[in-house]
Amino acid sequence: MSMFAKLLTGAVAAGTLSLWVGAAHAHPIEAKPVEAVTASFDIIETVVVTKKDTAVFTTRVRGTAGSDKPAATGKFEGSEVYAYVWPTSLNSGEIGFERDQGIVALAVTFHPDFDDAAYGGRNRDVWHPHWVVLNEDQACKGGLKVTDIPDGQKPKVPPTWPKVPLLIDSPDYPTTFKGDAVEVSIPLSLLGGISGASFDGVTAGLKVNGNLHSPLLCVDNVFKVASGNLSLPGKVVTSK
């Protein structure tokens, strides 16, 4: 069973991911460099803090954050996505979807072959943030998929849902790359439940299904997990 599948199994058994909130004890999560991992995805630290009215998600890597991007293929099907990801203990209801839909993660992504910005905007040529809801699917090499919306179903979605058949949101949060760090700032007014939540850090590659069927977007290749085991040991605290 993959680390992602183990995480999901625990989440389902508990009903939500809240079982990790009480167990979380480390802040931030620090990781030893691993030469076998591409430097721009080799996480050495990941942290989530609240500062006044903002939640700040930060990941530092051994190299230059954001310097490596997937090659364009010229078509949507089979195309790749690179991502800096913060899996969290948040409930999907706290980011605008129905409750208890899976693992909630913030992801900063780059994908040169398609756009998935809110309101039909263009974002294929920039790193940009998403909320995603993940679920287990053994059809995916990495064991997880971004949750599909079946044909004919109209679940609750956030206003900035990009009108694709996935539980994915495309909010316009300030996102910066500077040296070895990637940082996302989110107004607390838009993010209930973040105080005291648990988190981890992941770098990964995702892939669009070549047949454009469910699962549409798979976790394909995990580059690194900050904790090593996706135990969500980080805990969101208030920055002094």
Protein backbone atom coordinates (compact mmCIF):
# COMPACT_ATOMS: atom_id res chain seq x y z
CA MET A 1 0.00 0.00 0.00
CA SER A 2 1.40 3.44 -0.93
CA MET A 3 1.93 6.20 1.63
CA PHE A 4 -0.94 8.11 0.02
CA ALA A 5 -3.25 5.11 0.30
CA LYS A 6 -2.34 4.63 3.97
CA LEU A 7 -3.11 8.28 4.66
CA LEU A 8 -6.47 8.00 2.94
CA THR A 9 -7.34 4.75 4.72
CA GLY A 10 -6.78 6.42 8.06
CA ALA A 11 -8.82 9.42 7.02
CA VAL A 12 -11.77 7.32 5.93
CA ALA A 13 -11.67 5.25 9.09
CA ALA A 14 -11.83 8.39 11.20
CA GLY A 15 -14.52 10.06 9.11
CA THR A 16 -12.28 13.11 8.59
CA LEU A 17 -8.58 13.84 8.87
CA SER A 18 -8.99 15.33 12.33
CA LEU A 19 -7.26 12.34 13.96
CA TRP A 20 -3.92 13.94 13.10
CA VAL A 21 -4.68 17.26 14.75
CA GLY A 22 -4.22 15.85 18.24
CA ALA A 23 -1.14 13.89 17.25
CA ALA A 24 0.64 16.77 15.56
CA HIS A 25 3.62 18.00 17.49
CA ALA A 26 6.28 19.27 15.09
CA HIS A 27 6.48 22.77 13.72
CA PRO A 28 7.87 23.30 11.17
CA ILE A 29 8.65 20.03 9.38
CA GLU A 30 12.35 19.81 8.54
CA ALA A 31 13.78 17.22 6.16
CA LYS A 32 17.30 16.14 5.32
CA PRO A 33 18.45 16.83 1.74
CA VAL A 34 18.32 13.84 -0.59
CA GLU A 35 20.71 14.07 -3.54
CA ALA A 36 18.64 11.62 -5.57
CA VAL A 37 15.74 14.09 -5.62
CA THR A 38 15.82 16.95 -8.14
CA ALA A 39 17.07 19.97 -6.16
CA SER A 40 14.08 22.20 -6.94
CA PHE A 41 11.75 19.56 -5.44
CA ASP A 42 13.99 18.37 -2.59
CA ILE A 43 12.05 19.71 0.41
CA ILE A 44 14.18 20.78 3.37
CA GLU A 45 11.46 22.61 5.32
CA THR A 46 7.73 23.17 5.12
CA VAL A 47 5.64 25.32 7.44
CA VAL A 48 2.17 26.84 7.77
CA VAL A 49 1.61 29.79 10.10
CA THR A 50 -1.05 32.40 10.70
CA LYS A 51 0.07 36.03 10.74
CA LYS A 52 -2.60 38.53 11.77
CA ASP A 53 -5.38 37.96 9.20
CA THR A 54 -3.42 35.67 6.86
CA ALA A 55 -2.42 32.01 6.66
CA VAL A 56 1.01 31.59 5.06
CA PHE A 57 2.06 28.26 3.49
CA THR A 58 5.81 27.99 2.80
CA THR A 59 8.06 25.25 1.46
CA ARG A 60 11.82 25.52 1.10
CA VAL A 61 13.86 23.24 -1.15
CA ARG A 62 17.54 22.42 -1.68
CA GLY A 63 17.62 24.17 -5.04
CA THR A 64 15.73 27.02 -6.70
CA ALA A 65 11.99 26.64 -6.19
CA GLY A 66 9.97 26.63 -9.39
CA SER A 67 12.98 26.31 -11.69
CA ASP A 68 11.92 22.94 -13.15
CA LYS A 69 8.71 22.71 -15.18
CA PRO A 70 7.12 19.92 -17.22
CA ALA A 71 7.73 19.95 -20.95
CA ALA A 72 4.80 20.97 -23.13
CA THR A 73 3.28 18.14 -25.17
CA GLY A 74 0.87 20.18 -27.29
CA LYS A 75 -2.18 18.30 -26.09
CA PHE A 76 -4.28 17.98 -22.94
CA GLU A 77 -4.51 14.19 -22.71
CA GLY A 78 -1.37 12.64 -21.22
CA SER A 79 0.09 16.02 -20.22
CA GLU A 80 2.02 16.53 -16.99
CA VAL A 81 1.62 18.75 -13.93
CA TYR A 82 4.37 19.57 -11.41
CA ALA A 83 3.26 20.55 -7.92
CA TYR A 84 4.35 21.77 -4.51
CA VAL A 85 1.67 20.38 -2.18
CA TRP A 86 0.57 20.83 1.43
CA PRO A 87 -1.74 17.95 2.46
CA THR A 88 -3.81 19.10 5.45
CA SER A 89 -6.33 17.96 8.03
CA LEU A 90 -8.87 20.49 6.73
CA ASN A 91 -12.33 19.22 5.86
CA SER A 92 -13.46 19.68 2.26
CA GLY A 93 -16.44 21.64 3.60
CA GLU A 94 -14.02 24.32 4.81
CA ILE A 95 -12.86 25.10 1.27
CA GLY A 96 -16.29 25.27 -0.38
CA PHE A 97 -17.09 21.66 -1.32
CA GLU A 98 -19.38 19.15 0.36
CA ARG A 99 -18.03 17.87 3.68
CA ASP A 100 -15.96 14.71 4.07
CA GLN A 101 -15.02 14.29 0.41
CA GLY A 102 -11.37 13.28 0.90
CA ILE A 103 -7.92 14.66 1.63
CA VAL A 104 -7.74 18.45 1.29
CA ALA A 105 -4.47 19.79 -0.07
CA LEU A 106 -3.19 23.16 -1.20
CA ALA A 107 -1.10 22.78 -4.35
CA VAL A 108 1.00 25.23 -6.36
CA THR A 109 1.13 23.83 -9.88
CA PHE A 110 2.57 24.36 -13.35
CA HIS A 111 1.08 22.70 -16.44
CA PRO A 112 1.96 24.14 -19.87
CA ASP A 113 -0.70 22.30 -21.90
CA PHE A 114 -4.00 23.52 -20.44
CA ASP A 115 -5.71 26.26 -18.45
CA ASP A 116 -7.78 25.72 -15.32
CA ALA A 117 -8.12 29.24 -13.95
CA ALA A 118 -11.39 30.52 -12.53
CA TYR A 119 -13.82 32.29 -14.86
CA GLY A 120 -12.09 30.96 -17.99
CA GLY A 121 -8.78 32.71 -17.34
CA ARG A 122 -5.35 31.65 -18.58
CA ASN A 123 -2.83 30.11 -16.19
CA ARG A 124 -0.89 27.54 -18.21
CA ASP A 125 2.25 29.69 -18.33
CA VAL A 126 2.59 30.54 -14.60
CA TRP A 127 2.88 28.73 -11.29
CA HIS A 128 -0.49 29.09 -9.56
CA PRO A 129 -2.39 27.77 -6.52
CA HIS A 130 -5.25 25.29 -6.27
CA TRP A 131 -7.21 23.56 -3.58
CA VAL A 132 -7.65 19.90 -4.49
CA VAL A 133 -9.54 17.05 -2.87
CA LEU A 134 -7.70 13.75 -3.18
CA ASN A 135 -8.96 10.18 -3.00
CA GLU A 136 -7.47 6.74 -3.45
CA ASP A 137 -7.49 5.16 -6.88
CA GLN A 138 -5.32 2.16 -7.66
CA ALA A 139 -5.50 3.06 -11.36
CA CYS A 140 -3.09 5.89 -10.52
CA LYS A 141 0.63 5.14 -10.25
CA GLY A 142 0.88 7.23 -7.08
CA GLY A 143 -2.25 5.70 -5.54
CA LEU A 144 -4.25 8.94 -5.45
CA LYS A 145 -6.30 11.04 -7.82
CA VAL A 146 -7.86 14.46 -7.77
CA THR A 147 -11.47 13.47 -7.10
CA ASP A 148 -13.62 13.17 -10.21
CA ILE A 149 -17.14 14.61 -10.52
CA PRO A 150 -19.22 11.95 -12.28
CA ASP A 151 -21.28 12.88 -15.34
CA GLY A 152 -24.63 14.35 -14.39
CA GLN A 153 -23.70 15.19 -10.81
CA LYS A 154 -23.65 18.79 -9.60
CA PRO A 155 -22.01 18.85 -6.17
CA LYS A 156 -21.44 21.98 -4.13
CA VAL A 157 -18.38 23.82 -5.46
CA PRO A 158 -16.61 27.11 -4.59
CA PRO A 159 -17.24 30.25 -6.69
CA THR A 160 -13.77 29.92 -8.24
CA TRP A 161 -14.25 26.29 -9.32
CA PRO A 162 -12.81 26.21 -12.88
CA LYS A 163 -15.74 24.24 -14.37
CA VAL A 164 -13.82 21.02 -14.89
CA PRO A 165 -15.15 17.63 -13.67
CA LEU A 166 -12.87 17.55 -10.63
CA LEU A 167 -12.99 18.67 -6.99
CA ILE A 168 -10.50 21.45 -7.64
CA ASP A 169 -10.62 25.16 -6.88
CA SER A 170 -8.67 27.96 -8.56
CA PRO A 171 -8.52 30.85 -6.09
CA ASP A 172 -6.33 33.83 -6.88
CA TYR A 173 -4.12 33.69 -3.78
CA PRO A 174 -0.83 35.63 -3.81
CA THR A 175 1.88 33.09 -4.67
CA THR A 176 5.58 33.90 -4.76
CA PHE A 177 8.81 32.10 -5.64
CA LYS A 178 11.97 33.57 -4.18
CA GLY A 179 15.23 31.65 -4.16
CA ASP A 180 14.68 28.33 -2.43
CA ALA A 181 11.13 29.07 -1.26
CA VAL A 182 7.56 28.98 -2.55
CA GLU A 183 4.95 30.82 -0.50
CA VAL A 184 1.16 31.17 -0.64
CA SER A 185 -0.80 33.71 1.42
CA ILE A 186 -4.50 33.12 2.14
CA PRO A 187 -6.86 35.49 3.97
CA LEU A 188 -8.11 33.80 7.14
CA SER A 189 -11.59 35.04 6.31
CA LEU A 190 -11.58 32.58 3.40
CA LEU A 191 -10.16 29.61 5.30
CA GLY A 192 -12.05 28.31 8.29
CA GLY A 193 -10.48 25.65 10.48
CA ILE A 194 -6.84 26.38 9.69
CA SER A 195 -5.76 27.31 13.22
CA GLY A 196 -4.36 24.20 14.86
CA ALA A 197 -4.73 22.11 11.71
CA SER A 198 -2.14 19.51 10.73
CA PHE A 199 -0.13 19.48 7.53
CA ASP A 200 2.70 17.89 5.60
CA GLY A 201 4.73 18.84 2.55
CA VAL A 202 4.97 16.97 -0.75
CA THR A 203 6.46 17.58 -4.17
CA ALA A 204 4.94 15.53 -6.95
CA GLY A 205 4.16 15.08 -10.60
CA LEU A 206 0.60 14.48 -11.78
CA LYS A 207 -0.63 13.31 -15.16
CA VAL A 208 -3.82 13.77 -17.17
CA ASN A 209 -5.34 10.45 -18.23
CA GLY A 210 -4.50 9.76 -21.86
CA ASN A 211 -8.06 8.51 -22.40
CA LEU A 212 -9.63 11.53 -20.64
CA HIS A 213 -11.72 9.22 -18.44
CA SER A 214 -12.02 8.77 -14.69
CA PRO A 215 -9.55 9.04 -13.08
CA LEU A 216 -8.90 12.21 -15.05
CA LEU A 217 -5.94 13.55 -13.04
CA CYS A 218 -3.63 11.14 -11.20
CA VAL A 219 -0.77 11.55 -8.76
CA ASP A 220 1.85 9.93 -10.98
CA ASN A 221 5.22 10.43 -9.31
CA VAL A 222 5.99 11.50 -5.75
CA PHE A 223 9.31 13.37 -5.66
CA LYS A 224 9.53 13.83 -1.88
CA VAL A 225 7.42 13.80 1.30
CA ALA A 226 8.68 16.17 4.00
CA SER A 227 7.78 13.88 6.90
CA GLY A 228 8.86 10.77 5.02
CA ASN A 229 5.62 8.97 5.82
CA LEU A 230 2.75 11.45 5.34
CA SER A 231 1.96 11.46 9.05
CA LEU A 232 1.03 15.17 8.91
CA PRO A 233 3.30 16.03 11.85
CA GLY A 234 3.22 19.78 11.22
CA LYS A 235 0.80 21.94 13.16
CA VAL A 236 -0.41 25.38 12.18
CA VAL A 237 0.50 27.94 14.84
CA THR A 238 0.38 31.71 15.13
CA SER A 239 3.61 33.44 14.16
CA LYS A 240 4.99 35.79 16.77
